Amino acid sequence: MHVKSGKVVLTDAPVDNHGKGEAFSPTDLLAASLGSCMLTLIGIAGNNHGFTIDGTEVTILKIMAENPRRVSAIEVTLDFPSIKYSESHRRIIEYAALTCPVALSLHPDINQKVTFTFKESI
């Protein structure tokens, strides 16, 4: 239980690993933590530098390896809304994402592929 909020996170092992697959697995939470951390840091950077990321969506793909069973790669796609971001803002966004604490905490054997998609407004 989270001390301050009282929220509880339920987990379950996936069906292929002796679970029922009825909730996020611990490795799902690991992958989700990476995307969440990136988005949080980008939001903070936006507040500090005068741009918004409202409407941004994150898609995460977790890739598992066997022997030993572990997360081998996490693919994060950040889809930004139809806002014209300056080149400076794009560099700030990319830096914030790639240097978030979770990204820097993951073992180097976990391949982190991050894709930034900017939809230009017309």
PDB file of N, CA and C in Angstrom:
ATOM      1  N   MET A   1       0.843  -1.174   0.000  1.00  0.00           N
ATOM      2  CA  MET A   1       0.000   0.000   0.000  1.00  0.00           C
ATOM      3  C   MET A   1       0.891   1.241   0.000  1.00  0.00           C
ATOM      4  N   HIS A   2       0.510   2.205  -0.823  1.00  0.00           N
ATOM      5  CA  HIS A   2       1.204   3.488  -0.864  1.00  0.00           C
ATOM      6  C   HIS A   2       0.844   4.254   0.399  1.00  0.00           C
ATOM      7  N   VAL A   3       1.851   4.664   1.161  1.00  0.00           N
ATOM      8  CA  VAL A   3       1.623   5.237   2.480  1.00  0.00           C
ATOM      9  C   VAL A   3       0.779   6.505   2.424  1.00  0.00           C
ATOM     10  N   LYS A   4       1.141   7.445   1.565  1.00  0.00           N
ATOM     11  CA  LYS A   4       0.449   8.742   1.574  1.00  0.00           C
ATOM     12  C   LYS A   4      -0.972   8.664   1.010  1.00  0.00           C
ATOM     13  N   SER A   5      -1.164   7.917  -0.075  1.00  0.00           N
ATOM     14  CA  SER A   5      -2.477   7.894  -0.724  1.00  0.00           C
ATOM     15  C   SER A   5      -3.373   6.751  -0.262  1.00  0.00           C
ATOM     16  N   GLY A   6      -2.766   5.706   0.296  1.00  0.00           N
ATOM     17  CA  GLY A   6      -3.540   4.541   0.690  1.00  0.00           C
ATOM     18  C   GLY A   6      -3.912   3.638  -0.475  1.00  0.00           C
ATOM     19  N   LYS A   7      -3.418   3.948  -1.670  1.00  0.00           N
ATOM     20  CA  LYS A   7      -3.724   3.148  -2.859  1.00  0.00           C
ATOM     21  C   LYS A   7      -2.990   1.813  -2.801  1.00  0.00           C
ATOM     22  N   VAL A   8      -3.633   0.802  -3.379  1.00  0.00           N
ATOM     23  CA  VAL A   8      -3.062  -0.540  -3.432  1.00  0.00           C
ATOM     24  C   VAL A   8      -2.915  -0.943  -4.895  1.00  0.00           C
ATOM     25  N   VAL A   9      -1.793  -1.541  -5.234  1.00  0.00           N
ATOM     26  CA  VAL A   9      -1.563  -2.049  -6.573  1.00  0.00           C
ATOM     27  C   VAL A   9      -1.656  -3.569  -6.517  1.00  0.00           C
ATOM     28  N   LEU A  10      -2.551  -4.109  -7.323  1.00  0.00           N
ATOM     29  CA  LEU A  10      -2.690  -5.559  -7.391  1.00  0.00           C
ATOM     30  C   LEU A  10      -1.839  -6.095  -8.527  1.00  0.00           C
ATOM     31  N   THR A  11      -1.200  -7.240  -8.295  1.00  0.00           N
ATOM     32  CA  THR A  11      -0.406  -7.874  -9.332  1.00  0.00           C
ATOM     33  C   THR A  11      -0.768  -9.347  -9.428  1.00  0.00           C
ATOM     34  N   ASP A  12      -0.439  -9.936 -10.556  1.00  0.00           N
ATOM     35  CA  ASP A  12      -0.636 -11.366 -10.778  1.00  0.00           C
ATOM     36  C   ASP A  12       0.397 -11.801 -11.805  1.00  0.00           C
ATOM     37  N   ALA A  13       0.824 -13.034 -11.694  1.00  0.00           N
ATOM     38  CA  ALA A  13       1.724 -13.582 -12.700  1.00  0.00           C
ATOM     39  C   ALA A  13       0.940 -13.830 -13.986  1.00  0.00           C
ATOM     40  N   PRO A  14       1.627 -13.760 -15.130  1.00  0.00           N
ATOM     41  CA  PRO A  14       0.935 -14.065 -16.384  1.00  0.00           C
ATOM     42  C   PRO A  14       0.567 -15.552 -16.466  1.00  0.00           C
ATOM     43  N   VAL A  15      -0.377 -15.853 -17.327  1.00  0.00           N
ATOM     44  CA  VAL A  15      -0.852 -17.226 -17.481  1.00  0.00           C
ATOM     45  C   VAL A  15       0.302 -18.172 -17.842  1.00  0.00           C
ATOM     46  N   ASP A  16       1.230 -17.695 -18.672  1.00  0.00           N
ATOM     47  CA  ASP A  16       2.346 -18.562 -19.090  1.00  0.00           C
ATOM     48  C   ASP A  16       3.418 -18.723 -18.009  1.00  0.00           C
ATOM     49  N   ASN A  17       3.174 -18.122 -16.844  1.00  0.00           N
ATOM     50  CA  ASN A  17       4.141 -18.251 -15.750  1.00  0.00           C
ATOM     51  C   ASN A  17       3.409 -18.528 -14.430  1.00  0.00           C
ATOM     52  N   HIS A  18       2.451 -19.444 -14.467  1.00  0.00           N
ATOM     53  CA  HIS A  18       1.755 -19.951 -13.282  1.00  0.00           C
ATOM     54  C   HIS A  18       0.775 -18.968 -12.654  1.00  0.00           C
ATOM     55  N   GLY A  19       0.375 -17.944 -13.381  1.00  0.00           N
ATOM     56  CA  GLY A  19      -0.594 -17.003 -12.840  1.00  0.00           C
ATOM     57  C   GLY A  19      -1.918 -17.088 -13.562  1.00  0.00           C
ATOM     58  N   LYS A  20      -2.828 -16.231 -13.147  1.00  0.00           N
ATOM     59  CA  LYS A  20      -4.134 -16.152 -13.800  1.00  0.00           C
ATOM     60  C   LYS A  20      -4.179 -15.034 -14.843  1.00  0.00           C
ATOM     61  N   GLY A  21      -3.184 -14.152 -14.823  1.00  0.00           N
ATOM     62  CA  GLY A  21      -3.169 -13.044 -15.765  1.00  0.00           C
ATOM     63  C   GLY A  21      -4.295 -12.056 -15.545  1.00  0.00           C
ATOM     64  N   GLU A  22      -4.740 -11.921 -14.299  1.00  0.00           N
ATOM     65  CA  GLU A  22      -5.895 -11.065 -14.001  1.00  0.00           C
ATOM     66  C   GLU A  22      -5.512  -9.647 -13.564  1.00  0.00           C
ATOM     67  N   ALA A  23      -4.242  -9.363 -13.534  1.00  0.00           N
ATOM     68  CA  ALA A  23      -3.778  -8.022 -13.150  1.00  0.00           C
ATOM     69  C   ALA A  23      -2.408  -7.808 -13.786  1.00  0.00           C
ATOM     70  N   PHE A  24      -1.892  -6.616 -13.624  1.00  0.00           N
ATOM     71  CA  PHE A  24      -0.539  -6.355 -14.114  1.00  0.00           C
ATOM     72  C   PHE A  24       0.433  -7.304 -13.440  1.00  0.00           C
ATOM     73  N   SER A  25       1.391  -7.790 -14.210  1.00  0.00           N
ATOM     74  CA  SER A  25       2.472  -8.581 -13.623  1.00  0.00           C
ATOM     75  C   SER A  25       3.540  -7.616 -13.120  1.00  0.00           C
ATOM     76  N   PRO A  26       4.432  -8.076 -12.253  1.00  0.00           N
ATOM     77  CA  PRO A  26       5.514  -7.202 -11.808  1.00  0.00           C
ATOM     78  C   PRO A  26       6.355  -6.668 -12.977  1.00  0.00           C
ATOM     79  N   THR A  27       6.571  -7.490 -14.010  1.00  0.00           N
ATOM     80  CA  THR A  27       7.350  -6.998 -15.151  1.00  0.00           C
ATOM     81  C   THR A  27       6.546  -6.005 -15.991  1.00  0.00           C
ATOM     82  N   ASP A  28       5.207  -6.140 -16.016  1.00  0.00           N
ATOM     83  CA  ASP A  28       4.370  -5.117 -16.658  1.00  0.00           C
ATOM     84  C   ASP A  28       4.560  -3.774 -15.955  1.00  0.00           C
ATOM     85  N   LEU A  29       4.577  -3.820 -14.620  1.00  0.00           N
ATOM     86  CA  LEU A  29       4.753  -2.584 -13.849  1.00  0.00           C
ATOM     87  C   LEU A  29       6.123  -1.976 -14.092  1.00  0.00           C
ATOM     88  N   LEU A  30       7.139  -2.821 -14.270  1.00  0.00           N
ATOM     89  CA  LEU A  30       8.475  -2.319 -14.589  1.00  0.00           C
ATOM     90  C   LEU A  30       8.438  -1.526 -15.891  1.00  0.00           C
ATOM     91  N   ALA A  31       7.834  -2.118 -16.914  1.00  0.00           N
ATOM     92  CA  ALA A  31       7.759  -1.451 -18.213  1.00  0.00           C
ATOM     93  C   ALA A  31       6.894  -0.188 -18.136  1.00  0.00           C
ATOM     94  N   ALA A  32       5.763  -0.285 -17.450  1.00  0.00           N
ATOM     95  CA  ALA A  32       4.882   0.878 -17.302  1.00  0.00           C
ATOM     96  C   ALA A  32       5.570   1.997 -16.527  1.00  0.00           C
ATOM     97  N   SER A  33       6.407   1.624 -15.575  1.00  0.00           N
ATOM     98  CA  SER A  33       7.144   2.626 -14.795  1.00  0.00           C
ATOM     99  C   SER A  33       8.072   3.436 -15.687  1.00  0.00           C
ATOM    100  N   LEU A  34       8.675   2.777 -16.670  1.00  0.00           N
ATOM    101  CA  LEU A  34       9.562   3.507 -17.583  1.00  0.00           C
ATOM    102  C   LEU A  34       8.769   4.556 -18.355  1.00  0.00           C
ATOM    103  N   GLY A  35       7.659   4.160 -18.967  1.00  0.00           N
ATOM    104  CA  GLY A  35       6.851   5.121 -19.726  1.00  0.00           C
ATOM    105  C   GLY A  35       6.283   6.221 -18.857  1.00  0.00           C
ATOM    106  N   SER A  36       5.818   5.853 -17.679  1.00  0.00           N
ATOM    107  CA  SER A  36       5.248   6.829 -16.757  1.00  0.00           C
ATOM    108  C   SER A  36       6.298   7.841 -16.295  1.00  0.00           C
ATOM    109  N   CYS A  37       7.478   7.345 -15.996  1.00  0.00           N
ATOM    110  CA  CYS A  37       8.560   8.230 -15.552  1.00  0.00           C
ATOM    111  C   CYS A  37       8.930   9.213 -16.665  1.00  0.00           C
ATOM    112  N   MET A  38       9.041   8.694 -17.887  1.00  0.00           N
ATOM    113  CA  MET A  38       9.374   9.573 -19.018  1.00  0.00           C
ATOM    114  C   MET A  38       8.336  10.662 -19.180  1.00  0.00           C
ATOM    115  N   LEU A  39       7.062  10.272 -19.173  1.00  0.00           N
ATOM    116  CA  LEU A  39       5.993  11.246 -19.361  1.00  0.00           C
ATOM    117  C   LEU A  39       5.954  12.265 -18.226  1.00  0.00           C
ATOM    118  N   THR A  40       6.187  11.817 -17.006  1.00  0.00           N
ATOM    119  CA  THR A  40       6.205  12.718 -15.853  1.00  0.00           C
ATOM    120  C   THR A  40       7.321  13.751 -15.988  1.00  0.00           C
ATOM    121  N   LEU A  41       8.515  13.290 -16.342  1.00  0.00           N
ATOM    122  CA  LEU A  41       9.644  14.218 -16.471  1.00  0.00           C
ATOM    123  C   LEU A  41       9.463  15.177 -17.638  1.00  0.00           C
ATOM    124  N   ILE A  42       8.865  14.693 -18.735  1.00  0.00           N
ATOM    125  CA  ILE A  42       8.583  15.580 -19.869  1.00  0.00           C
ATOM    126  C   ILE A  42       7.559  16.637 -19.448  1.00  0.00           C
ATOM    127  N   GLY A  43       6.549  16.246 -18.688  1.00  0.00           N
ATOM    128  CA  GLY A  43       5.554  17.203 -18.197  1.00  0.00           C
ATOM    129  C   GLY A  43       6.175  18.270 -17.320  1.00  0.00           C
ATOM    130  N   ILE A  44       7.075  17.862 -16.440  1.00  0.00           N
ATOM    131  CA  ILE A  44       7.777  18.826 -15.578  1.00  0.00           C
ATOM    132  C   ILE A  44       8.612  19.771 -16.432  1.00  0.00           C
ATOM    133  N   ALA A  45       9.317  19.209 -17.415  1.00  0.00           N
ATOM    134  CA  ALA A  45      10.132  20.051 -18.309  1.00  0.00           C
ATOM    135  C   ALA A  45       9.249  21.034 -19.067  1.00  0.00           C
ATOM    136  N   GLY A  46       8.085  20.573 -19.515  1.00  0.00           N
ATOM    137  CA  GLY A  46       7.166  21.463 -20.215  1.00  0.00           C
ATOM    138  C   GLY A  46       6.711  22.614 -19.339  1.00  0.00           C
ATOM    139  N   ASN A  47       6.380  22.308 -18.090  1.00  0.00           N
ATOM    140  CA  ASN A  47       5.996  23.373 -17.151  1.00  0.00           C
ATOM    141  C   ASN A  47       7.127  24.363 -16.953  1.00  0.00           C
ATOM    142  N   ASN A  48       8.348  23.866 -16.867  1.00  0.00           N
ATOM    143  CA  ASN A  48       9.505  24.740 -16.637  1.00  0.00           C
ATOM    144  C   ASN A  48       9.889  25.565 -17.863  1.00  0.00           C
ATOM    145  N   HIS A  49       9.546  25.078 -19.057  1.00  0.00           N
ATOM    146  CA  HIS A  49       9.993  25.745 -20.292  1.00  0.00           C
ATOM    147  C   HIS A  49       8.839  26.303 -21.125  1.00  0.00           C
ATOM    148  N   GLY A  50       7.630  26.293 -20.569  1.00  0.00           N
ATOM    149  CA  GLY A  50       6.522  26.978 -21.217  1.00  0.00           C
ATOM    150  C   GLY A  50       5.857  26.245 -22.370  1.00  0.00           C
ATOM    151  N   PHE A  51       5.817  24.934 -22.353  1.00  0.00           N
ATOM    152  CA  PHE A  51       5.056  24.211 -23.368  1.00  0.00           C
ATOM    153  C   PHE A  51       4.226  23.118 -22.705  1.00  0.00           C
ATOM    154  N   THR A  52       3.192  22.683 -23.414  1.00  0.00           N
ATOM    155  CA  THR A  52       2.297  21.672 -22.877  1.00  0.00           C
ATOM    156  C   THR A  52       2.496  20.345 -23.600  1.00  0.00           C
ATOM    157  N   ILE A  53       2.194  19.268 -22.905  1.00  0.00           N
ATOM    158  CA  ILE A  53       2.178  17.952 -23.534  1.00  0.00           C
ATOM    159  C   ILE A  53       0.801  17.322 -23.370  1.00  0.00           C
ATOM    160  N   ASP A  54      -0.195  18.140 -23.026  1.00  0.00           N
ATOM    161  CA  ASP A  54      -1.564  17.633 -22.868  1.00  0.00           C
ATOM    162  C   ASP A  54      -1.982  16.876 -24.122  1.00  0.00           C
ATOM    163  N   GLY A  55      -2.522  15.689 -23.941  1.00  0.00           N
ATOM    164  CA  GLY A  55      -2.947  14.864 -25.059  1.00  0.00           C
ATOM    165  C   GLY A  55      -1.899  13.870 -25.521  1.00  0.00           C
ATOM    166  N   THR A  56      -0.715  13.917 -24.931  1.00  0.00           N
ATOM    167  CA  THR A  56       0.335  12.961 -25.290  1.00  0.00           C
ATOM    168  C   THR A  56      -0.066  11.564 -24.835  1.00  0.00           C
ATOM    169  N   GLU A  57       0.180  10.590 -25.672  1.00  0.00           N
ATOM    170  CA  GLU A  57      -0.116   9.198 -25.342  1.00  0.00           C
ATOM    171  C   GLU A  57       1.165   8.378 -25.377  1.00  0.00           C
ATOM    172  N   VAL A  58       1.234   7.399 -24.484  1.00  0.00           N
ATOM    173  CA  VAL A  58       2.403   6.527 -24.390  1.00  0.00           C
ATOM    174  C   VAL A  58       1.957   5.092 -24.652  1.00  0.00           C
ATOM    175  N   THR A  59       2.679   4.411 -25.511  1.00  0.00           N
ATOM    176  CA  THR A  59       2.469   2.990 -25.765  1.00  0.00           C
ATOM    177  C   THR A  59       3.738   2.265 -25.370  1.00  0.00           C
ATOM    178  N   ILE A  60       3.567   1.157 -24.639  1.00  0.00           N
ATOM    179  CA  ILE A  60       4.725   0.424 -24.124  1.00  0.00           C
ATOM    180  C   ILE A  60       4.619  -1.032 -24.548  1.00  0.00           C
ATOM    181  N   LEU A  61       5.720  -1.568 -25.052  1.00  0.00           N
ATOM    182  CA  LEU A  61       5.809  -2.984 -25.385  1.00  0.00           C
ATOM    183  C   LEU A  61       6.944  -3.583 -24.575  1.00  0.00           C
ATOM    184  N   LYS A  62       6.611  -4.595 -23.796  1.00  0.00           N
ATOM    185  CA  LYS A  62       7.602  -5.301 -22.970  1.00  0.00           C
ATOM    186  C   LYS A  62       7.951  -6.590 -23.691  1.00  0.00           C
ATOM    187  N   ILE A  63       9.239  -6.860 -23.832  1.00  0.00           N
ATOM    188  CA  ILE A  63       9.707  -8.073 -24.489  1.00  0.00           C
ATOM    189  C   ILE A  63      10.451  -8.918 -23.462  1.00  0.00           C
ATOM    190  N   MET A  64       9.995 -10.164 -23.344  1.00  0.00           N
ATOM    191  CA  MET A  64      10.578 -11.077 -22.363  1.00  0.00           C
ATOM    192  C   MET A  64      11.590 -12.009 -23.035  1.00  0.00           C
ATOM    193  N   ALA A  65      12.583 -12.427 -22.262  1.00  0.00           N
ATOM    194  CA  ALA A  65      13.556 -13.427 -22.685  1.00  0.00           C
ATOM    195  C   ALA A  65      13.426 -14.636 -21.762  1.00  0.00           C
ATOM    196  N   GLU A  66      13.939 -15.749 -22.207  1.00  0.00           N
ATOM    197  CA  GLU A  66      13.928 -16.977 -21.409  1.00  0.00           C
ATOM    198  C   GLU A  66      15.353 -17.329 -21.004  1.00  0.00           C
ATOM    199  N   ASN A  67      15.469 -18.126 -19.963  1.00  0.00           N
ATOM    200  CA  ASN A  67      16.751 -18.693 -19.521  1.00  0.00           C
ATOM    201  C   ASN A  67      17.845 -17.658 -19.314  1.00  0.00           C
ATOM    202  N   PRO A  68      17.763 -16.790 -18.366  1.00  0.00           N
ATOM    203  CA  PRO A  68      16.687 -16.745 -17.379  1.00  0.00           C
ATOM    204  C   PRO A  68      15.521 -15.895 -17.882  1.00  0.00           C
ATOM    205  N   ARG A  69      14.351 -16.162 -17.324  1.00  0.00           N
ATOM    206  CA  ARG A  69      13.165 -15.371 -17.660  1.00  0.00           C
ATOM    207  C   ARG A  69      13.381 -13.966 -17.108  1.00  0.00           C
ATOM    208  N   ARG A  70      13.347 -13.002 -18.017  1.00  0.00           N
ATOM    209  CA  ARG A  70      13.608 -11.613 -17.625  1.00  0.00           C
ATOM    210  C   ARG A  70      13.098 -10.681 -18.718  1.00  0.00           C
ATOM    211  N   VAL A  71      12.999  -9.411 -18.390  1.00  0.00           N
ATOM    212  CA  VAL A  71      12.684  -8.398 -19.394  1.00  0.00           C
ATOM    213  C   VAL A  71      13.953  -8.152 -20.195  1.00  0.00           C
ATOM    214  N   SER A  72      13.881  -8.344 -21.502  1.00  0.00           N
ATOM    215  CA  SER A  72      15.061  -8.116 -22.342  1.00  0.00           C
ATOM    216  C   SER A  72      15.008  -6.771 -23.059  1.00  0.00           C
ATOM    217  N   ALA A  73      13.785  -6.258 -23.277  1.00  0.00           N
ATOM    218  CA  ALA A  73      13.652  -4.977 -23.975  1.00  0.00           C
ATOM    219  C   ALA A  73      12.328  -4.328 -23.606  1.00  0.00           C
ATOM    220  N   ILE A  74      12.336  -3.012 -23.642  1.00  0.00           N
ATOM    221  CA  ILE A  74      11.115  -2.227 -23.466  1.00  0.00           C
ATOM    222  C   ILE A  74      11.092  -1.188 -24.583  1.00  0.00           C
ATOM    223  N   GLU A  75      10.008  -1.200 -25.348  1.00  0.00           N
ATOM    224  CA  GLU A  75       9.834  -0.220 -26.412  1.00  0.00           C
ATOM    225  C   GLU A  75       8.782   0.786 -25.968  1.00  0.00           C
ATOM    226  N   VAL A  76       9.163   2.046 -25.963  1.00  0.00           N
ATOM    227  CA  VAL A  76       8.268   3.130 -25.544  1.00  0.00           C
ATOM    228  C   VAL A  76       8.040   4.036 -26.747  1.00  0.00           C
ATOM    229  N   THR A  77       6.776   4.259 -27.076  1.00  0.00           N
ATOM    230  CA  THR A  77       6.431   5.201 -28.127  1.00  0.00           C
ATOM    231  C   THR A  77       5.655   6.342 -27.487  1.00  0.00           C
ATOM    232  N   LEU A  78       6.168   7.545 -27.658  1.00  0.00           N
ATOM    233  CA  LEU A  78       5.534   8.756 -27.134  1.00  0.00           C
ATOM    234  C   LEU A  78       4.929   9.504 -28.318  1.00  0.00           C
ATOM    235  N   ASP A  79       3.589   9.554 -28.359  1.00  0.00           N
ATOM    236  CA  ASP A  79       2.865  10.230 -29.429  1.00  0.00           C
ATOM    237  C   ASP A  79       2.368  11.576 -28.922  1.00  0.00           C
ATOM    238  N   PHE A  80       2.942  12.637 -29.469  1.00  0.00           N
ATOM    239  CA  PHE A  80       2.603  13.979 -29.033  1.00  0.00           C
ATOM    240  C   PHE A  80       1.459  14.540 -29.874  1.00  0.00           C
ATOM    241  N   PRO A  81       0.650  15.429 -29.283  1.00  0.00           N
ATOM    242  CA  PRO A  81      -0.509  15.978 -29.993  1.00  0.00           C
ATOM    243  C   PRO A  81      -0.091  16.939 -31.102  1.00  0.00           C
ATOM    244  N   SER A  82      -1.065  17.401 -31.849  1.00  0.00           N
ATOM    245  CA  SER A  82      -0.826  18.326 -32.963  1.00  0.00           C
ATOM    246  C   SER A  82      -0.477  19.709 -32.447  1.00  0.00           C
ATOM    247  N   ILE A  83       0.722  19.819 -31.937  1.00  0.00           N
ATOM    248  CA  ILE A  83       1.263  21.088 -31.440  1.00  0.00           C
ATOM    249  C   ILE A  83       2.609  21.278 -32.131  1.00  0.00           C
ATOM    250  N   LYS A  84       2.884  22.484 -32.571  1.00  0.00           N
ATOM    251  CA  LYS A  84       4.182  22.749 -33.194  1.00  0.00           C
ATOM    252  C   LYS A  84       5.207  22.984 -32.085  1.00  0.00           C
ATOM    253  N   TYR A  85       6.048  21.993 -31.858  1.00  0.00           N
ATOM    254  CA  TYR A  85       7.118  22.113 -30.873  1.00  0.00           C
ATOM    255  C   TYR A  85       8.367  22.648 -31.569  1.00  0.00           C
ATOM    256  N   SER A  86       9.023  23.596 -30.940  1.00  0.00           N
ATOM    257  CA  SER A  86      10.273  24.118 -31.501  1.00  0.00           C
ATOM    258  C   SER A  86      11.343  23.036 -31.391  1.00  0.00           C
ATOM    259  N   GLU A  87      12.409  23.196 -32.141  1.00  0.00           N
ATOM    260  CA  GLU A  87      13.531  22.248 -32.054  1.00  0.00           C
ATOM    261  C   GLU A  87      14.095  22.215 -30.638  1.00  0.00           C
ATOM    262  N   SER A  88      14.127  23.351 -29.988  1.00  0.00           N
ATOM    263  CA  SER A  88      14.596  23.420 -28.600  1.00  0.00           C
ATOM    264  C   SER A  88      13.694  22.602 -27.687  1.00  0.00           C
ATOM    265  N   HIS A  89      12.388  22.749 -27.857  1.00  0.00           N
ATOM    266  CA  HIS A  89      11.444  21.996 -27.032  1.00  0.00           C
ATOM    267  C   HIS A  89      11.571  20.494 -27.303  1.00  0.00           C
ATOM    268  N   ARG A  90      11.777  20.120 -28.544  1.00  0.00           N
ATOM    269  CA  ARG A  90      11.961  18.700 -28.869  1.00  0.00           C
ATOM    270  C   ARG A  90      13.202  18.135 -28.187  1.00  0.00           C
ATOM    271  N   ARG A  91      14.279  18.892 -28.202  1.00  0.00           N
ATOM    272  CA  ARG A  91      15.512  18.432 -27.520  1.00  0.00           C
ATOM    273  C   ARG A  91      15.268  18.296 -26.015  1.00  0.00           C
ATOM    274  N   ILE A  92      14.547  19.234 -25.437  1.00  0.00           N
ATOM    275  CA  ILE A  92      14.214  19.175 -24.008  1.00  0.00           C
ATOM    276  C   ILE A  92      13.368  17.937 -23.721  1.00  0.00           C
ATOM    277  N   ILE A  93      12.376  17.681 -24.563  1.00  0.00           N
ATOM    278  CA  ILE A  93      11.511  16.511 -24.408  1.00  0.00           C
ATOM    279  C   ILE A  93      12.327  15.229 -24.453  1.00  0.00           C
ATOM    280  N   GLU A  94      13.167  15.102 -25.459  1.00  0.00           N
ATOM    281  CA  GLU A  94      13.956  13.882 -25.611  1.00  0.00           C
ATOM    282  C   GLU A  94      14.934  13.700 -24.450  1.00  0.00           C
ATOM    283  N   TYR A  95      15.572  14.775 -24.042  1.00  0.00           N
ATOM    284  CA  TYR A  95      16.507  14.687 -22.913  1.00  0.00           C
ATOM    285  C   TYR A  95      15.787  14.270 -21.638  1.00  0.00           C
ATOM    286  N   ALA A  96      14.628  14.884 -21.371  1.00  0.00           N
ATOM    287  CA  ALA A  96      13.868  14.556 -20.159  1.00  0.00           C
ATOM    288  C   ALA A  96      13.493  13.079 -20.154  1.00  0.00           C
ATOM    289  N   ALA A  97      13.037  12.572 -21.291  1.00  0.00           N
ATOM    290  CA  ALA A  97      12.628  11.167 -21.365  1.00  0.00           C
ATOM    291  C   ALA A  97      13.807  10.230 -21.158  1.00  0.00           C
ATOM    292  N   LEU A  98      14.875  10.475 -21.875  1.00  0.00           N
ATOM    293  CA  LEU A  98      16.004   9.537 -21.878  1.00  0.00           C
ATOM    294  C   LEU A  98      16.825   9.581 -20.597  1.00  0.00           C
ATOM    295  N   THR A  99      16.634  10.619 -19.796  1.00  0.00           N
ATOM    296  CA  THR A  99      17.392  10.727 -18.542  1.00  0.00           C
ATOM    297  C   THR A  99      16.489  10.624 -17.316  1.00  0.00           C
ATOM    298  N   CYS A 100      15.277  10.101 -17.494  1.00  0.00           N
ATOM    299  CA  CYS A 100      14.400   9.948 -16.328  1.00  0.00           C
ATOM    300  C   CYS A 100      15.006   8.912 -15.381  1.00  0.00           C
ATOM    301  N   PRO A 101      14.708   8.984 -14.101  1.00  0.00           N
ATOM    302  CA  PRO A 101      15.324   8.070 -13.122  1.00  0.00           C
ATOM    303  C   PRO A 101      15.112   6.587 -13.407  1.00  0.00           C
ATOM    304  N   VAL A 102      13.954   6.216 -13.934  1.00  0.00           N
ATOM    305  CA  VAL A 102      13.746   4.792 -14.224  1.00  0.00           C
ATOM    306  C   VAL A 102      14.641   4.360 -15.380  1.00  0.00           C
ATOM    307  N   ALA A 103      14.720   5.165 -16.426  1.00  0.00           N
ATOM    308  CA  ALA A 103      15.584   4.826 -17.569  1.00  0.00           C
ATOM    309  C   ALA A 103      17.029   4.642 -17.116  1.00  0.00           C
ATOM    310  N   LEU A 104      17.460   5.506 -16.212  1.00  0.00           N
ATOM    311  CA  LEU A 104      18.845   5.438 -15.742  1.00  0.00           C
ATOM    312  C   LEU A 104      19.063   4.327 -14.721  1.00  0.00           C
ATOM    313  N   SER A 105      17.981   3.789 -14.166  1.00  0.00           N
ATOM    314  CA  SER A 105      18.085   2.740 -13.145  1.00  0.00           C
ATOM    315  C   SER A 105      18.030   1.327 -13.718  1.00  0.00           C
ATOM    316  N   LEU A 106      17.485   1.187 -14.916  1.00  0.00           N
ATOM    317  CA  LEU A 106      17.375  -0.146 -15.505  1.00  0.00           C
ATOM    318  C   LEU A 106      18.741  -0.686 -15.887  1.00  0.00           C
ATOM    319  N   HIS A 107      18.911  -1.979 -15.755  1.00  0.00           N
ATOM    320  CA  HIS A 107      20.175  -2.626 -16.105  1.00  0.00           C
ATOM    321  C   HIS A 107      20.477  -2.389 -17.585  1.00  0.00           C
ATOM    322  N   PRO A 108      21.745  -2.155 -17.929  1.00  0.00           N
ATOM    323  CA  PRO A 108      22.085  -1.886 -19.337  1.00  0.00           C
ATOM    324  C   PRO A 108      21.748  -3.038 -20.288  1.00  0.00           C
ATOM    325  N   ASP A 109      21.559  -4.250 -19.772  1.00  0.00           N
ATOM    326  CA  ASP A 109      21.172  -5.373 -20.629  1.00  0.00           C
ATOM    327  C   ASP A 109      19.729  -5.271 -21.115  1.00  0.00           C
ATOM    328  N   ILE A 110      18.926  -4.409 -20.490  1.00  0.00           N
ATOM    329  CA  ILE A 110      17.553  -4.200 -20.947  1.00  0.00           C
ATOM    330  C   ILE A 110      17.592  -3.128 -22.035  1.00  0.00           C
ATOM    331  N   ASN A 111      17.301  -3.535 -23.251  1.00  0.00           N
ATOM    332  CA  ASN A 111      17.312  -2.611 -24.377  1.00  0.00           C
ATOM    333  C   ASN A 111      16.118  -1.672 -24.277  1.00  0.00           C
ATOM    334  N   GLN A 112      16.386  -0.386 -24.252  1.00  0.00           N
ATOM    335  CA  GLN A 112      15.331   0.628 -24.203  1.00  0.00           C
ATOM    336  C   GLN A 112      15.251   1.300 -25.573  1.00  0.00           C
ATOM    337  N   LYS A 113      14.160   1.052 -26.271  1.00  0.00           N
ATOM    338  CA  LYS A 113      13.944   1.707 -27.566  1.00  0.00           C
ATOM    339  C   LYS A 113      12.853   2.740 -27.367  1.00  0.00           C
ATOM    340  N   VAL A 114      13.174   3.989 -27.623  1.00  0.00           N
ATOM    341  CA  VAL A 114      12.215   5.081 -27.406  1.00  0.00           C
ATOM    342  C   VAL A 114      11.973   5.784 -28.738  1.00  0.00           C
ATOM    343  N   THR A 115      10.699   5.918 -29.096  1.00  0.00           N
ATOM    344  CA  THR A 115      10.308   6.590 -30.326  1.00  0.00           C
ATOM    345  C   THR A 115       9.464   7.807 -29.969  1.00  0.00           C
ATOM    346  N   PHE A 116       9.831   8.937 -30.550  1.00  0.00           N
ATOM    347  CA  PHE A 116       9.097  10.197 -30.339  1.00  0.00           C
ATOM    348  C   PHE A 116       8.352  10.515 -31.632  1.00  0.00           C
ATOM    349  N   THR A 117       7.039  10.634 -31.560  1.00  0.00           N
ATOM    350  CA  THR A 117       6.229  10.959 -32.732  1.00  0.00           C
ATOM    351  C   THR A 117       5.566  12.311 -32.493  1.00  0.00           C
ATOM    352  N   PHE A 118       5.940  13.270 -33.333  1.00  0.00           N
ATOM    353  CA  PHE A 118       5.379  14.611 -33.234  1.00  0.00           C
ATOM    354  C   PHE A 118       4.448  14.841 -34.421  1.00  0.00           C
ATOM    355  N   LYS A 119       3.168  15.105 -34.141  1.00  0.00           N
ATOM    356  CA  LYS A 119       2.198  15.415 -35.193  1.00  0.00           C
ATOM    357  C   LYS A 119       2.170  16.926 -35.338  1.00  0.00           C
ATOM    358  N   GLU A 120       2.546  17.394 -36.471  1.00  0.00           N
ATOM    359  CA  GLU A 120       2.568  18.835 -36.701  1.00  0.00           C
ATOM    360  C   GLU A 120       1.163  19.355 -36.954  1.00  0.00           C
ATOM    361  N   SER A 121       0.819  20.466 -36.311  1.00  0.00           N
ATOM    362  CA  SER A 121      -0.471  21.088 -36.596  1.00  0.00           C
ATOM    363  C   SER A 121      -0.372  21.846 -37.914  1.00  0.00           C
ATOM    364  N   ILE A 122      -1.490  21.938 -38.580  1.00  0.00           N
ATOM    365  CA  ILE A 122      -1.510  22.595 -39.899  1.00  0.00           C
ATOM    366  C   ILE A 122      -1.964  24.026 -39.754  1.00  0.00           C
TER     367      ILE A 122
END
